[in-house]
Amino acid sequence: MSWTAFILALAGAAATSTTSAKAEATAKPGVEVLRVKRDFGKPHFDLAIDAWLDADATRLDEARLWWVNTAEQDRRKPLGPMVERMVKLRYRRGSSRSLTVTVTGDGKEFAFVVELGEAGQLHAFVAVDTDDGRHLPRCRTTSARLIAHRVLGLPVGLARVSVTCKDEHGAVHKGTVRHREV
């Protein structure tokens, strides 16, 4: 799979992803951990990582990456079969309070670690190469944006995932999510 196919799928698949109305209606609402904006495709579709806690809010039960339709009051939709053929999503438990959401495609792997903090808050952490040339192996993401590589103004691949994040001391950084070649 190429990033070109990935970008085209992300740009157009949101409107065509299928889910039964019954499954959407019965899904318990999750907590949005991270909203991912895009600089291409349909402007009213974002991506989001949501998470669900157990009844006592002491265990992270699930995390999921999916479409958010902002034109329909942030209605969530699965990525759909077309996108899932081009990218692989993997959810791996690190502990009762931690899950890693991994997105793999075109030989690149991006990982977002969703964690339940001691005070009950949910956060997404990433490894970041900062704009000033440093590497932060763990930075709490406050915003994210997929940036397309463009040729003649058209998106033809993924240039990077830009983030704003805070380090363990609370300092704000801007940079790019570090990916792993696979």
Protein backbone atom coordinates (compact mmCIF):
# COMPACT_ATOMS: atom_id res chain seq x y z
CA MET A 1 0.00 0.00 0.00
CA SER A 2 1.28 3.45 -0.82
CA TRP A 3 0.72 6.62 1.14
CA THR A 4 -0.98 7.94 -1.99
CA ALA A 5 -3.62 5.26 -1.66
CA PHE A 6 -3.77 5.91 2.06
CA ILE A 7 -4.30 9.64 1.57
CA LEU A 8 -6.95 9.07 -1.10
CA ALA A 9 -8.72 6.57 1.11
CA LEU A 10 -8.67 8.96 4.05
CA ALA A 11 -9.86 11.81 1.86
CA GLY A 12 -12.82 9.94 0.44
CA ALA A 13 -13.64 6.92 2.52
CA ALA A 14 -15.27 8.73 5.41
CA ALA A 15 -18.49 9.23 3.53
CA THR A 16 -18.56 5.64 2.34
CA SER A 17 -17.60 3.78 5.51
CA THR A 18 -20.37 1.42 6.52
CA THR A 19 -21.72 0.54 9.91
CA SER A 20 -25.08 -0.76 10.96
CA ALA A 21 -27.35 1.84 12.49
CA LYS A 22 -28.06 -0.59 15.32
CA ALA A 23 -24.37 -0.91 16.25
CA GLU A 24 -23.93 2.88 16.25
CA ALA A 25 -27.08 3.40 18.31
CA THR A 26 -26.11 0.86 20.99
CA ALA A 27 -22.46 1.88 21.34
CA LYS A 28 -21.78 3.48 24.71
CA PRO A 29 -20.13 6.89 24.30
CA GLY A 30 -16.40 7.01 24.84
CA VAL A 31 -14.19 9.84 26.01
CA GLU A 32 -12.31 11.68 23.27
CA VAL A 33 -8.61 11.43 24.03
CA LEU A 34 -7.22 13.01 20.85
CA ARG A 35 -8.70 14.76 17.80
CA VAL A 36 -6.62 14.55 14.62
CA LYS A 37 -7.28 17.26 12.02
CA ARG A 38 -6.29 16.88 8.36
CA ASP A 39 -5.12 19.37 5.75
CA PHE A 40 -6.77 17.39 2.92
CA GLY A 41 -10.02 15.66 2.11
CA LYS A 42 -13.47 16.50 3.37
CA PRO A 43 -13.15 19.35 5.88
CA HIS A 44 -15.97 18.09 8.07
CA PHE A 45 -14.28 14.74 8.79
CA ASP A 46 -11.60 14.46 11.46
CA LEU A 47 -10.09 11.39 13.08
CA ALA A 48 -10.31 10.74 16.81
CA ILE A 49 -9.03 8.34 19.38
CA ASP A 50 -11.71 7.62 21.95
CA ALA A 51 -11.38 5.51 25.08
CA TRP A 52 -13.71 3.65 27.43
CA LEU A 53 -13.22 3.02 31.14
CA ASP A 54 -14.67 0.34 33.38
CA ALA A 55 -17.59 1.21 35.69
CA ASP A 56 -15.22 2.27 38.50
CA ALA A 57 -13.11 4.41 36.13
CA THR A 58 -9.98 2.58 37.31
CA ARG A 59 -9.28 0.49 34.20
CA LEU A 60 -8.90 1.48 30.56
CA ASP A 61 -11.17 -1.03 28.80
CA GLU A 62 -10.83 -0.01 25.16
CA ALA A 63 -9.48 2.60 22.75
CA ARG A 64 -10.56 3.14 19.15
CA LEU A 65 -9.50 5.28 16.19
CA TRP A 66 -12.38 6.39 13.98
CA TRP A 67 -13.93 9.12 11.85
CA VAL A 68 -15.67 12.09 13.43
CA ASN A 69 -18.27 13.82 11.26
CA THR A 70 -18.27 17.41 12.54
CA ALA A 71 -21.22 18.29 10.28
CA GLU A 72 -23.32 15.74 12.22
CA GLN A 73 -22.58 16.77 15.82
CA ASP A 74 -19.33 14.76 15.98
CA ARG A 75 -20.97 11.47 15.07
CA ARG A 76 -18.42 8.63 15.14
CA LYS A 77 -18.00 6.09 12.33
CA PRO A 78 -15.54 3.21 11.90
CA LEU A 79 -12.83 3.70 9.29
CA GLY A 80 -14.48 1.20 6.98
CA PRO A 81 -13.29 -1.69 4.85
CA MET A 82 -11.58 0.39 2.13
CA VAL A 83 -9.29 2.13 4.61
CA GLU A 84 -8.75 -1.04 6.63
CA ARG A 85 -7.41 -2.77 3.51
CA MET A 86 -4.75 -0.08 3.16
CA VAL A 87 -3.80 0.55 6.76
CA LYS A 88 -3.60 -1.78 9.68
CA LEU A 89 -4.86 -0.74 13.08
CA ARG A 90 -3.61 -2.61 16.09
CA TYR A 91 -4.64 -2.14 19.69
CA ARG A 92 -2.25 -3.56 22.28
CA ARG A 93 -2.70 -3.51 26.03
CA GLY A 94 0.31 -2.30 28.00
CA SER A 95 -1.35 -2.51 31.41
CA SER A 96 -4.78 -2.08 32.95
CA ARG A 97 -4.30 1.69 32.51
CA SER A 98 -2.54 1.78 29.12
CA LEU A 99 -3.36 0.83 25.52
CA THR A 100 -1.29 1.49 22.40
CA VAL A 101 -3.06 2.41 19.16
CA THR A 102 -0.77 1.60 16.23
CA VAL A 103 -1.44 2.69 12.66
CA THR A 104 0.69 0.95 10.00
CA GLY A 105 0.80 1.54 6.27
CA ASP A 106 3.27 2.02 3.44
CA GLY A 107 6.10 0.66 5.58
CA LYS A 108 5.57 3.20 8.37
CA GLU A 109 4.16 2.69 11.84
CA PHE A 110 2.84 5.43 14.12
CA ALA A 111 2.02 4.66 17.76
CA PHE A 112 -0.20 6.59 20.18
CA VAL A 113 -0.19 5.41 23.79
CA VAL A 114 -3.50 6.08 25.54
CA GLU A 115 -3.16 6.20 29.31
CA LEU A 116 -5.45 6.61 32.28
CA GLY A 117 -3.78 8.97 34.75
CA GLU A 118 -3.89 8.73 38.53
CA ALA A 119 -6.51 11.48 38.76
CA GLY A 120 -8.75 9.72 36.20
CA GLN A 121 -7.81 11.80 33.15
CA LEU A 122 -7.08 10.23 29.76
CA HIS A 123 -4.12 11.29 27.62
CA ALA A 124 -2.37 10.24 24.40
CA PHE A 125 1.43 10.12 24.38
CA VAL A 126 3.73 9.97 21.34
CA ALA A 127 7.43 10.02 20.53
CA VAL A 128 8.16 13.41 18.96
CA ASP A 129 10.97 14.98 16.97
CA THR A 130 10.59 18.64 17.93
CA ASP A 131 10.85 21.55 15.54
CA ASP A 132 13.99 22.70 17.39
CA GLY A 133 15.77 19.38 16.71
CA ARG A 134 15.27 17.45 19.95
CA HIS A 135 13.72 14.00 20.37
CA LEU A 136 11.17 13.45 23.14
CA PRO A 137 10.37 9.76 23.59
CA ARG A 138 7.20 10.57 25.54
CA CYS A 139 5.19 13.73 25.05
CA ARG A 140 1.50 14.26 26.00
CA THR A 141 -0.29 15.21 22.80
CA THR A 142 -2.63 18.19 22.96
CA SER A 143 -3.32 18.49 19.23
CA ALA A 144 -2.47 16.55 16.07
CA ARG A 145 -2.72 17.16 12.34
CA LEU A 146 -2.08 14.90 9.34
CA ILE A 147 -0.10 16.88 6.77
CA ALA A 148 -0.25 15.71 3.17
CA HIS A 149 2.69 15.70 0.78
CA ARG A 150 1.44 17.65 -2.23
CA VAL A 151 2.33 17.71 -5.91
CA LEU A 152 0.81 20.55 -7.92
CA GLY A 153 -1.43 21.23 -4.94
CA LEU A 154 -2.91 17.72 -4.80
CA PRO A 155 -2.37 15.39 -1.83
CA VAL A 156 -0.27 12.43 -2.99
CA GLY A 157 1.05 11.05 0.27
CA LEU A 158 1.52 11.67 3.94
CA ALA A 159 4.29 14.14 4.69
CA ARG A 160 4.04 13.95 8.48
CA VAL A 161 1.86 13.94 11.56
CA SER A 162 2.39 17.27 13.30
CA VAL A 163 1.65 17.60 16.99
CA THR A 164 1.67 20.01 19.84
CA CYS A 165 2.51 18.28 23.09
CA LYS A 166 3.70 18.77 26.66
CA ASP A 167 6.72 17.10 28.19
CA GLU A 168 6.84 15.76 31.77
CA HIS A 169 7.63 19.26 33.06
CA GLY A 170 4.66 20.86 31.28
CA ALA A 171 6.73 22.63 28.62
CA VAL A 172 4.92 22.91 25.28
CA HIS A 173 6.62 21.55 22.15
CA LYS A 174 5.73 21.45 18.46
CA GLY A 175 7.04 18.71 16.26
CA THR A 176 6.48 15.59 14.22
CA VAL A 177 5.44 12.17 15.47
CA ARG A 178 8.37 9.82 15.05
CA HIS A 179 7.45 6.78 13.00
CA ARG A 180 9.07 3.38 12.79
CA GLU A 181 9.97 1.82 9.43
CA VAL A 182 8.39 -1.63 9.08
